[in-house]
Amino acid sequence: DFCPICTLPIPLSVNAHSVLNICCMKSICNGCNFAAQNRGILNCAFCRTPFPGNDSDRLAMVLSRVAKKDPDAINFLGEQYWQGGLGLIKNTRKAVELWTEAAKLGSVEALFQLGSVQEDETKAAEFYE
């Protein structure tokens, strides 16, 4: 992955070296995020949307991106259903449905998630090919 601001590659593990802003579903490198905060930008460094204050506001932002068929948002919502995040009740079936939709829209991360939850190793291998 590349930071959409500085266009430099984000080192692995991406989660440790970047911040995911759910308003625009962009991962911003920690350097750009830090620089934005130092400049007094307290909103999203990419789209300038104010950060949500609670889980229901975060969920509303994600759902608005899902309604626009954003594969990253659909994948993220699937992860939240899988983990029971953002105040959602854990729902494996819903998570798999969302990951399937995100995969059809081109999300490689969703394909990985689908492969990792398959109990049948041959079916799981199909997602990694």
N, C-alpha and C. Protein backbone atom coordinates (compact mmCIF):
# COMPACT_ATOMS: atom_id res chain seq x y z
N ASP A 1 0.83 -1.20 0.00
CA ASP A 1 0.00 0.00 0.00
C ASP A 1 0.87 1.25 0.00
N PHE A 2 0.34 2.30 -0.58
CA PHE A 2 1.03 3.57 -0.66
C PHE A 2 0.21 4.64 0.03
N CYS A 3 0.88 5.57 0.68
CA CYS A 3 0.19 6.69 1.31
C CYS A 3 -0.36 7.60 0.21
N PRO A 4 -1.64 7.96 0.27
CA PRO A 4 -2.21 8.80 -0.78
C PRO A 4 -1.75 10.26 -0.71
N ILE A 5 -1.06 10.63 0.36
CA ILE A 5 -0.59 12.02 0.49
C ILE A 5 0.83 12.16 -0.03
N CYS A 6 1.76 11.38 0.54
CA CYS A 6 3.17 11.50 0.14
C CYS A 6 3.55 10.51 -0.96
N THR A 7 2.69 9.57 -1.25
CA THR A 7 2.84 8.52 -2.25
C THR A 7 4.01 7.55 -1.97
N LEU A 8 4.53 7.56 -0.75
CA LEU A 8 5.57 6.61 -0.39
C LEU A 8 4.93 5.30 0.05
N PRO A 9 5.65 4.18 -0.14
CA PRO A 9 5.09 2.90 0.32
C PRO A 9 4.99 2.87 1.84
N ILE A 10 3.91 2.29 2.34
CA ILE A 10 3.73 2.12 3.79
C ILE A 10 4.38 0.80 4.16
N PRO A 11 5.36 0.81 5.08
CA PRO A 11 6.05 -0.43 5.44
C PRO A 11 5.11 -1.45 6.07
N LEU A 12 5.50 -2.71 5.97
CA LEU A 12 4.75 -3.77 6.63
C LEU A 12 5.08 -3.74 8.12
N SER A 13 4.25 -4.02 8.93
CA SER A 13 2.84 -4.22 8.91
C SER A 13 2.14 -2.88 8.70
N VAL A 14 1.28 -2.83 7.71
CA VAL A 14 0.61 -1.58 7.35
C VAL A 14 -0.16 -1.01 8.54
N ASN A 15 -0.81 -1.87 9.32
CA ASN A 15 -1.59 -1.39 10.46
C ASN A 15 -0.73 -0.71 11.51
N ALA A 16 0.53 -1.11 11.63
CA ALA A 16 1.43 -0.52 12.62
C ALA A 16 2.04 0.80 12.12
N HIS A 17 2.05 1.01 10.81
CA HIS A 17 2.72 2.18 10.25
C HIS A 17 1.77 3.17 9.57
N SER A 18 0.48 2.99 9.80
CA SER A 18 -0.49 3.90 9.17
C SER A 18 -1.75 3.99 10.02
N VAL A 19 -2.59 4.94 9.64
CA VAL A 19 -3.87 5.15 10.29
C VAL A 19 -4.95 5.03 9.23
N LEU A 20 -5.98 4.21 9.50
CA LEU A 20 -7.10 4.09 8.57
C LEU A 20 -8.15 5.12 8.95
N ASN A 21 -8.44 6.01 8.04
CA ASN A 21 -9.49 7.01 8.25
C ASN A 21 -10.77 6.50 7.61
N ILE A 22 -11.77 6.21 8.45
CA ILE A 22 -12.98 5.58 7.92
C ILE A 22 -13.86 6.55 7.14
N CYS A 23 -13.60 7.84 7.24
CA CYS A 23 -14.39 8.81 6.48
C CYS A 23 -14.17 8.63 4.97
N CYS A 24 -12.93 8.34 4.58
CA CYS A 24 -12.61 8.17 3.16
C CYS A 24 -12.02 6.80 2.87
N MET A 25 -11.86 5.97 3.91
CA MET A 25 -11.28 4.63 3.82
C MET A 25 -9.87 4.65 3.24
N LYS A 26 -9.10 5.67 3.59
CA LYS A 26 -7.71 5.79 3.14
C LYS A 26 -6.78 5.52 4.31
N SER A 27 -5.73 4.75 4.05
CA SER A 27 -4.68 4.55 5.03
C SER A 27 -3.61 5.61 4.82
N ILE A 28 -3.41 6.43 5.82
CA ILE A 28 -2.43 7.51 5.77
C ILE A 28 -1.21 7.08 6.57
N CYS A 29 0.00 7.25 6.02
CA CYS A 29 1.20 6.85 6.76
C CYS A 29 1.32 7.69 8.03
N ASN A 30 1.97 7.11 9.03
CA ASN A 30 2.11 7.81 10.32
C ASN A 30 2.84 9.14 10.16
N GLY A 31 3.77 9.22 9.22
CA GLY A 31 4.51 10.47 8.99
C GLY A 31 3.59 11.59 8.53
N CYS A 32 2.73 11.31 7.56
CA CYS A 32 1.80 12.33 7.07
C CYS A 32 0.76 12.67 8.13
N ASN A 33 0.32 11.68 8.88
CA ASN A 33 -0.64 11.92 9.95
C ASN A 33 -0.02 12.83 11.02
N PHE A 34 1.23 12.55 11.39
CA PHE A 34 1.95 13.37 12.38
C PHE A 34 2.16 14.79 11.86
N ALA A 35 2.56 14.91 10.59
CA ALA A 35 2.79 16.23 9.99
C ALA A 35 1.50 17.05 9.95
N ALA A 36 0.39 16.40 9.65
CA ALA A 36 -0.90 17.11 9.61
C ALA A 36 -1.27 17.60 11.01
N GLN A 37 -1.06 16.77 12.02
CA GLN A 37 -1.36 17.20 13.39
C GLN A 37 -0.46 18.36 13.81
N ASN A 38 0.80 18.32 13.41
CA ASN A 38 1.71 19.42 13.75
C ASN A 38 1.31 20.73 13.07
N ARG A 39 0.66 20.64 11.93
CA ARG A 39 0.19 21.84 11.22
C ARG A 39 -1.16 22.31 11.74
N GLY A 40 -1.70 21.60 12.72
CA GLY A 40 -2.98 22.00 13.30
C GLY A 40 -4.19 21.42 12.59
N ILE A 41 -3.96 20.46 11.69
CA ILE A 41 -5.08 19.80 11.00
C ILE A 41 -5.55 18.67 11.90
N LEU A 42 -6.67 18.86 12.54
CA LEU A 42 -7.18 17.86 13.47
C LEU A 42 -8.26 16.99 12.86
N ASN A 43 -8.59 17.25 11.60
CA ASN A 43 -9.54 16.42 10.86
C ASN A 43 -8.76 15.39 10.06
N CYS A 44 -9.43 14.66 9.21
CA CYS A 44 -8.76 13.69 8.35
C CYS A 44 -7.72 14.41 7.49
N ALA A 45 -6.52 13.88 7.47
CA ALA A 45 -5.44 14.51 6.72
C ALA A 45 -5.66 14.42 5.21
N PHE A 46 -6.49 13.47 4.76
CA PHE A 46 -6.73 13.31 3.33
C PHE A 46 -7.94 14.10 2.84
N CYS A 47 -9.11 13.89 3.48
CA CYS A 47 -10.34 14.50 2.97
C CYS A 47 -10.85 15.66 3.83
N ARG A 48 -10.20 15.89 4.96
CA ARG A 48 -10.52 17.00 5.88
C ARG A 48 -11.87 16.86 6.58
N THR A 49 -12.43 15.67 6.57
CA THR A 49 -13.69 15.41 7.28
C THR A 49 -13.40 15.32 8.77
N PRO A 50 -14.23 15.94 9.61
CA PRO A 50 -14.03 15.80 11.06
C PRO A 50 -14.15 14.34 11.49
N PHE A 51 -13.32 13.94 12.44
CA PHE A 51 -13.35 12.57 12.93
C PHE A 51 -14.63 12.34 13.73
N PRO A 52 -15.24 11.16 13.59
CA PRO A 52 -16.45 10.86 14.36
C PRO A 52 -16.12 10.68 15.84
N GLY A 53 -17.08 10.99 16.68
CA GLY A 53 -16.85 10.96 18.12
C GLY A 53 -17.20 9.65 18.80
N ASN A 54 -18.02 8.81 18.16
CA ASN A 54 -18.43 7.56 18.82
C ASN A 54 -18.66 6.48 17.77
N ASP A 55 -18.94 5.26 18.25
CA ASP A 55 -19.10 4.12 17.34
C ASP A 55 -20.28 4.29 16.39
N SER A 56 -21.37 4.89 16.85
CA SER A 56 -22.53 5.04 15.95
C SER A 56 -22.21 6.01 14.82
N ASP A 57 -21.44 7.06 15.10
CA ASP A 57 -21.01 7.98 14.03
C ASP A 57 -20.04 7.31 13.08
N ARG A 58 -19.14 6.49 13.62
CA ARG A 58 -18.20 5.75 12.77
C ARG A 58 -18.95 4.79 11.86
N LEU A 59 -19.92 4.08 12.45
CA LEU A 59 -20.72 3.14 11.66
C LEU A 59 -21.49 3.86 10.56
N ALA A 60 -22.04 5.02 10.88
CA ALA A 60 -22.77 5.81 9.87
C ALA A 60 -21.85 6.20 8.71
N MET A 61 -20.60 6.58 9.02
CA MET A 61 -19.64 6.93 7.96
C MET A 61 -19.33 5.72 7.09
N VAL A 62 -19.12 4.58 7.73
CA VAL A 62 -18.81 3.36 6.98
C VAL A 62 -20.00 2.98 6.10
N LEU A 63 -21.20 3.05 6.64
CA LEU A 63 -22.39 2.68 5.86
C LEU A 63 -22.59 3.61 4.67
N SER A 64 -22.23 4.87 4.82
CA SER A 64 -22.35 5.78 3.67
C SER A 64 -21.37 5.39 2.57
N ARG A 65 -20.17 4.92 2.95
CA ARG A 65 -19.21 4.45 1.96
C ARG A 65 -19.66 3.12 1.34
N VAL A 66 -20.27 2.26 2.15
CA VAL A 66 -20.79 0.98 1.66
C VAL A 66 -21.89 1.23 0.63
N ALA A 67 -22.75 2.21 0.89
CA ALA A 67 -23.83 2.54 -0.05
C ALA A 67 -23.28 2.99 -1.40
N LYS A 68 -22.05 3.51 -1.41
CA LYS A 68 -21.41 3.95 -2.65
C LYS A 68 -20.61 2.83 -3.31
N LYS A 69 -20.75 1.60 -2.77
CA LYS A 69 -20.07 0.42 -3.29
C LYS A 69 -18.54 0.52 -3.21
N ASP A 70 -18.04 1.09 -2.13
CA ASP A 70 -16.60 1.18 -1.89
C ASP A 70 -16.13 -0.18 -1.36
N PRO A 71 -15.29 -0.91 -2.12
CA PRO A 71 -14.87 -2.25 -1.68
C PRO A 71 -14.11 -2.24 -0.36
N ASP A 72 -13.33 -1.20 -0.10
CA ASP A 72 -12.60 -1.12 1.17
C ASP A 72 -13.56 -0.96 2.34
N ALA A 73 -14.60 -0.17 2.15
CA ALA A 73 -15.59 0.02 3.22
C ALA A 73 -16.40 -1.25 3.44
N ILE A 74 -16.73 -1.95 2.38
CA ILE A 74 -17.49 -3.20 2.50
C ILE A 74 -16.64 -4.23 3.23
N ASN A 75 -15.36 -4.32 2.88
CA ASN A 75 -14.45 -5.23 3.56
C ASN A 75 -14.32 -4.85 5.04
N PHE A 76 -14.19 -3.56 5.33
CA PHE A 76 -14.07 -3.09 6.71
C PHE A 76 -15.32 -3.44 7.51
N LEU A 77 -16.49 -3.25 6.90
CA LEU A 77 -17.74 -3.59 7.59
C LEU A 77 -17.81 -5.09 7.86
N GLY A 78 -17.33 -5.90 6.91
CA GLY A 78 -17.27 -7.34 7.11
C GLY A 78 -16.39 -7.69 8.31
N GLU A 79 -15.26 -7.01 8.43
CA GLU A 79 -14.37 -7.23 9.58
C GLU A 79 -15.06 -6.85 10.88
N GLN A 80 -15.85 -5.79 10.86
CA GLN A 80 -16.55 -5.36 12.07
C GLN A 80 -17.62 -6.37 12.47
N TYR A 81 -18.31 -6.94 11.48
CA TYR A 81 -19.28 -8.00 11.79
C TYR A 81 -18.57 -9.25 12.32
N TRP A 82 -17.42 -9.56 11.76
CA TRP A 82 -16.67 -10.74 12.19
C TRP A 82 -16.20 -10.60 13.64
N GLN A 83 -15.73 -9.38 13.99
CA GLN A 83 -15.17 -9.13 15.32
C GLN A 83 -16.20 -8.63 16.32
N GLY A 84 -17.33 -8.15 15.84
CA GLY A 84 -18.32 -7.53 16.72
C GLY A 84 -17.92 -6.11 17.08
N GLY A 85 -17.27 -5.42 16.16
CA GLY A 85 -16.83 -4.04 16.40
C GLY A 85 -17.89 -3.02 16.06
N LEU A 86 -17.64 -1.79 16.44
CA LEU A 86 -18.53 -0.64 16.19
C LEU A 86 -19.93 -0.86 16.74
N GLY A 87 -20.04 -1.65 17.79
CA GLY A 87 -21.33 -1.90 18.42
C GLY A 87 -22.18 -2.93 17.70
N LEU A 88 -21.63 -3.58 16.68
CA LEU A 88 -22.37 -4.61 15.94
C LEU A 88 -22.26 -5.95 16.67
N ILE A 89 -23.28 -6.76 16.52
CA ILE A 89 -23.27 -8.11 17.07
C ILE A 89 -22.50 -9.00 16.08
N LYS A 90 -21.64 -9.87 16.62
CA LYS A 90 -20.89 -10.78 15.75
C LYS A 90 -21.84 -11.56 14.87
N ASN A 91 -21.54 -11.57 13.57
CA ASN A 91 -22.39 -12.26 12.61
C ASN A 91 -21.50 -12.77 11.48
N THR A 92 -21.10 -14.03 11.58
CA THR A 92 -20.18 -14.62 10.62
C THR A 92 -20.79 -14.65 9.22
N ARG A 93 -22.05 -15.02 9.13
CA ARG A 93 -22.71 -15.10 7.82
C ARG A 93 -22.71 -13.73 7.12
N LYS A 94 -23.04 -12.68 7.85
CA LYS A 94 -23.05 -11.33 7.27
C LYS A 94 -21.64 -10.92 6.85
N ALA A 95 -20.64 -11.27 7.67
CA ALA A 95 -19.26 -10.94 7.34
C ALA A 95 -18.84 -11.60 6.03
N VAL A 96 -19.18 -12.87 5.86
CA VAL A 96 -18.82 -13.59 4.64
C VAL A 96 -19.55 -12.99 3.44
N GLU A 97 -20.82 -12.62 3.60
CA GLU A 97 -21.57 -11.98 2.51
C GLU A 97 -20.91 -10.67 2.09
N LEU A 98 -20.51 -9.86 3.07
CA LEU A 98 -19.87 -8.59 2.77
C LEU A 98 -18.51 -8.79 2.11
N TRP A 99 -17.73 -9.75 2.60
CA TRP A 99 -16.42 -10.02 1.98
C TRP A 99 -16.59 -10.52 0.56
N THR A 100 -17.62 -11.32 0.31
CA THR A 100 -17.88 -11.81 -1.04
C THR A 100 -18.20 -10.64 -1.97
N GLU A 101 -19.03 -9.72 -1.49
CA GLU A 101 -19.37 -8.54 -2.30
C GLU A 101 -18.14 -7.68 -2.56
N ALA A 102 -17.32 -7.47 -1.52
CA ALA A 102 -16.11 -6.67 -1.68
C ALA A 102 -15.13 -7.34 -2.65
N ALA A 103 -15.04 -8.65 -2.58
CA ALA A 103 -14.15 -9.38 -3.49
C ALA A 103 -14.61 -9.22 -4.94
N LYS A 104 -15.92 -9.28 -5.15
CA LYS A 104 -16.46 -9.09 -6.50
C LYS A 104 -16.16 -7.68 -7.03
N LEU A 105 -16.03 -6.72 -6.10
CA LEU A 105 -15.71 -5.34 -6.50
C LEU A 105 -14.20 -5.11 -6.60
N GLY A 106 -13.39 -6.16 -6.33
CA GLY A 106 -11.94 -6.05 -6.53
C GLY A 106 -11.08 -5.95 -5.29
N SER A 107 -11.62 -6.23 -4.12
CA SER A 107 -10.84 -6.13 -2.89
C SER A 107 -10.02 -7.40 -2.66
N VAL A 108 -8.70 -7.25 -2.71
CA VAL A 108 -7.79 -8.36 -2.45
C VAL A 108 -7.85 -8.75 -0.98
N GLU A 109 -8.01 -7.76 -0.10
CA GLU A 109 -8.10 -8.04 1.34
C GLU A 109 -9.32 -8.91 1.65
N ALA A 110 -10.43 -8.66 0.95
CA ALA A 110 -11.64 -9.45 1.15
C ALA A 110 -11.42 -10.90 0.71
N LEU A 111 -10.68 -11.10 -0.40
CA LEU A 111 -10.35 -12.45 -0.83
C LEU A 111 -9.52 -13.17 0.23
N PHE A 112 -8.58 -12.45 0.83
CA PHE A 112 -7.77 -13.04 1.90
C PHE A 112 -8.65 -13.44 3.07
N GLN A 113 -9.58 -12.56 3.46
CA GLN A 113 -10.48 -12.86 4.58
C GLN A 113 -11.33 -14.10 4.27
N LEU A 114 -11.85 -14.17 3.05
CA LEU A 114 -12.66 -15.33 2.67
C LEU A 114 -11.84 -16.62 2.73
N GLY A 115 -10.60 -16.55 2.26
CA GLY A 115 -9.74 -17.72 2.31
C GLY A 115 -9.39 -18.13 3.73
N SER A 116 -9.26 -17.15 4.61
CA SER A 116 -8.85 -17.47 5.98
C SER A 116 -9.98 -18.05 6.82
N VAL A 117 -11.24 -17.84 6.43
CA VAL A 117 -12.36 -18.37 7.22
C VAL A 117 -12.89 -19.69 6.68
N GLN A 118 -12.37 -20.14 5.54
CA GLN A 118 -12.83 -21.40 4.96
C GLN A 118 -12.29 -22.58 5.77
N GLU A 119 -13.16 -23.52 6.09
CA GLU A 119 -12.74 -24.72 6.82
C GLU A 119 -12.20 -25.77 5.86
N ASP A 120 -12.68 -25.77 4.64
CA ASP A 120 -12.22 -26.72 3.63
C ASP A 120 -10.96 -26.14 2.99
N GLU A 121 -9.84 -26.85 3.10
CA GLU A 121 -8.57 -26.34 2.60
C GLU A 121 -8.56 -26.15 1.08
N THR A 122 -9.26 -27.00 0.34
CA THR A 122 -9.29 -26.84 -1.11
C THR A 122 -10.05 -25.58 -1.51
N LYS A 123 -11.16 -25.30 -0.82
CA LYS A 123 -11.89 -24.06 -1.10
C LYS A 123 -11.06 -22.86 -0.70
N ALA A 124 -10.38 -22.94 0.43
CA ALA A 124 -9.53 -21.83 0.87
C ALA A 124 -8.43 -21.54 -0.14
N ALA A 125 -7.84 -22.59 -0.70
CA ALA A 125 -6.76 -22.40 -1.67
C ALA A 125 -7.24 -21.68 -2.92
N GLU A 126 -8.51 -21.87 -3.29
CA GLU A 126 -9.06 -21.18 -4.46
C GLU A 126 -9.02 -19.66 -4.30
N PHE A 127 -9.23 -19.18 -3.07
CA PHE A 127 -9.22 -17.73 -2.83
C PHE A 127 -7.81 -17.15 -2.92
N TYR A 128 -6.79 -17.97 -2.67
CA TYR A 128 -5.42 -17.48 -2.69
C TYR A 128 -4.79 -17.55 -4.07
N GLU A 129 -5.44 -18.20 -5.02
CA GLU A 129 -4.88 -18.34 -6.36
C GLU A 129 -5.12 -17.10 -7.19
